[in-house]
Amino acid sequence: MTYPRRGEIYLVKLPGHPSDKKDRPALVVSLDVRNRLANDIIVVPLSTTLRPAPTHVELPAGEGGLKETSMAKCEQVTTLDKSFLIRGPFAGMISSSLMSEIEKAIQRAIGILAV
């Protein structure tokens, strides 16, 4: 059986976001062993609104199968039940260097790294 893998992008439904009428892409950031065993995964939502911020990481079009350049909004890291996964993975994984940037931005968002 397949399961979401760290670094893949999925189309997801984000619960509790009434302003989000549409489904949106999200990057899986939880560890593969957790993704395989748990009923939920940890994701960072992506947006095509490109607003630079210390907790945002730009993902160029083509990265992980993205059609458009997008921003990973690492301050919005969230846990989703796997039933909220709609479609994916898009195409492969994001690069390890971008994943490293995402990890640092999550650490900034939760106060581990200075801004």
Protein backbone atom coordinates (compact mmCIF):
# COMPACT_ATOMS: atom_id res chain seq x y z
CA MET A 1 0.00 0.00 0.00
CA THR A 2 1.27 3.46 -0.83
CA TYR A 3 1.29 6.37 1.58
CA PRO A 4 2.20 10.07 1.41
CA ARG A 5 5.93 10.69 1.60
CA ARG A 6 7.85 13.60 3.08
CA GLY A 7 8.55 16.16 0.35
CA GLU A 8 5.54 15.27 -1.85
CA ILE A 9 2.80 17.72 -2.75
CA TYR A 10 -0.88 16.76 -2.54
CA LEU A 11 -4.12 18.54 -3.27
CA VAL A 12 -5.90 18.74 0.10
CA LYS A 13 -9.04 20.05 1.75
CA LEU A 14 -8.11 22.30 4.67
CA PRO A 15 -10.74 22.04 7.43
CA GLY A 16 -11.69 25.17 9.33
CA HIS A 17 -10.81 27.53 6.47
CA PRO A 18 -14.20 28.98 5.43
CA SER A 19 -12.52 31.52 3.14
CA ASP A 20 -10.92 28.64 1.24
CA LYS A 21 -13.72 27.45 -1.01
CA LYS A 22 -11.21 25.65 -3.19
CA ASP A 23 -8.89 22.79 -2.44
CA ARG A 24 -5.21 23.72 -2.22
CA PRO A 25 -1.85 22.08 -2.58
CA ALA A 26 0.09 21.20 0.55
CA LEU A 27 3.59 19.87 1.15
CA VAL A 28 3.98 16.77 3.33
CA VAL A 29 6.57 17.47 6.06
CA SER A 30 5.97 14.57 8.49
CA LEU A 31 8.39 11.64 8.55
CA ASP A 32 7.71 8.68 6.26
CA VAL A 33 7.48 6.19 9.14
CA ARG A 34 4.76 8.35 10.71
CA ASN A 35 3.02 8.82 7.35
CA ARG A 36 2.87 5.05 6.92
CA LEU A 37 1.62 4.22 10.44
CA ALA A 38 -0.59 7.15 11.49
CA ASN A 39 -4.05 8.11 10.24
CA ASP A 40 -2.91 11.69 9.71
CA ILE A 41 -0.01 13.60 8.19
CA ILE A 42 1.68 16.93 8.88
CA VAL A 43 1.57 19.42 5.99
CA VAL A 44 2.44 22.99 5.07
CA PRO A 45 -0.18 24.71 2.87
CA LEU A 46 0.97 26.29 -0.40
CA SER A 47 -0.31 29.48 -2.02
CA THR A 48 0.24 31.16 -5.38
CA THR A 49 0.09 34.54 -3.59
CA LEU A 50 3.82 35.28 -3.39
CA ARG A 51 4.31 37.37 -0.24
CA PRO A 52 7.89 37.20 1.06
CA ALA A 53 8.12 36.57 4.82
CA PRO A 54 10.61 34.90 7.18
CA THR A 55 8.26 31.90 7.45
CA HIS A 56 7.52 31.62 3.70
CA VAL A 57 9.58 29.58 1.22
CA GLU A 58 9.20 30.04 -2.54
CA LEU A 59 8.79 26.85 -4.57
CA PRO A 60 9.39 27.43 -8.29
CA ALA A 61 6.97 26.11 -10.91
CA GLY A 62 7.83 22.52 -11.75
CA GLU A 63 9.14 21.74 -8.24
CA GLY A 64 7.34 18.64 -6.97
CA GLY A 65 4.96 18.91 -9.94
CA LEU A 66 3.68 22.44 -9.22
CA LYS A 67 2.10 24.18 -12.22
CA GLU A 68 2.77 27.66 -10.78
CA THR A 69 5.42 29.19 -8.54
CA SER A 70 4.03 28.91 -5.02
CA MET A 71 4.82 29.96 -1.48
CA ALA A 72 5.03 27.41 1.35
CA LYS A 73 3.37 29.11 4.33
CA CYS A 74 5.35 27.44 7.10
CA GLU A 75 3.61 29.36 9.89
CA GLN A 76 0.45 27.41 8.94
CA VAL A 77 1.92 23.93 9.51
CA THR A 78 -1.01 21.65 10.35
CA THR A 79 -2.02 18.04 10.87
CA LEU A 80 -4.58 16.57 8.48
CA ASP A 81 -6.45 13.29 8.56
CA LYS A 82 -5.50 11.31 5.45
CA SER A 83 -9.16 11.48 4.36
CA PHE A 84 -8.52 15.17 3.52
CA LEU A 85 -6.04 14.16 0.79
CA ILE A 86 -7.83 14.64 -2.51
CA ARG A 87 -5.21 13.93 -5.15
CA GLY A 88 -1.50 13.35 -5.33
CA PRO A 89 1.33 13.20 -5.18
CA PHE A 90 1.74 15.67 -8.03
CA ALA A 91 5.13 14.57 -9.41
CA GLY A 92 8.07 13.46 -7.31
CA MET A 93 9.47 15.33 -4.35
CA ILE A 94 10.81 18.80 -3.80
CA SER A 95 14.59 19.15 -3.68
CA SER A 96 16.45 18.46 -0.45
CA SER A 97 17.75 22.05 -0.39
CA LEU A 98 14.19 23.44 -0.51
CA MET A 99 13.11 20.92 2.14
CA SER A 100 15.92 22.24 4.34
CA GLU A 101 14.64 25.81 3.83
CA ILE A 102 11.11 24.64 4.76
CA GLU A 103 12.45 23.04 7.97
CA LYS A 104 14.19 26.31 8.94
CA ALA A 105 11.06 28.36 8.21
CA ILE A 106 8.97 26.02 10.41
CA GLN A 107 11.54 26.45 13.19
CA ARG A 108 11.28 30.25 12.79
CA ALA A 109 7.48 30.03 12.94
CA ILE A 110 7.53 28.17 16.26
CA GLY A 111 10.33 30.22 17.81
CA ILE A 112 13.25 27.78 17.61
CA LEU A 113 15.24 29.93 15.16
CA ALA A 114 15.50 33.71 15.32
CA VAL A 115 13.83 35.64 12.52
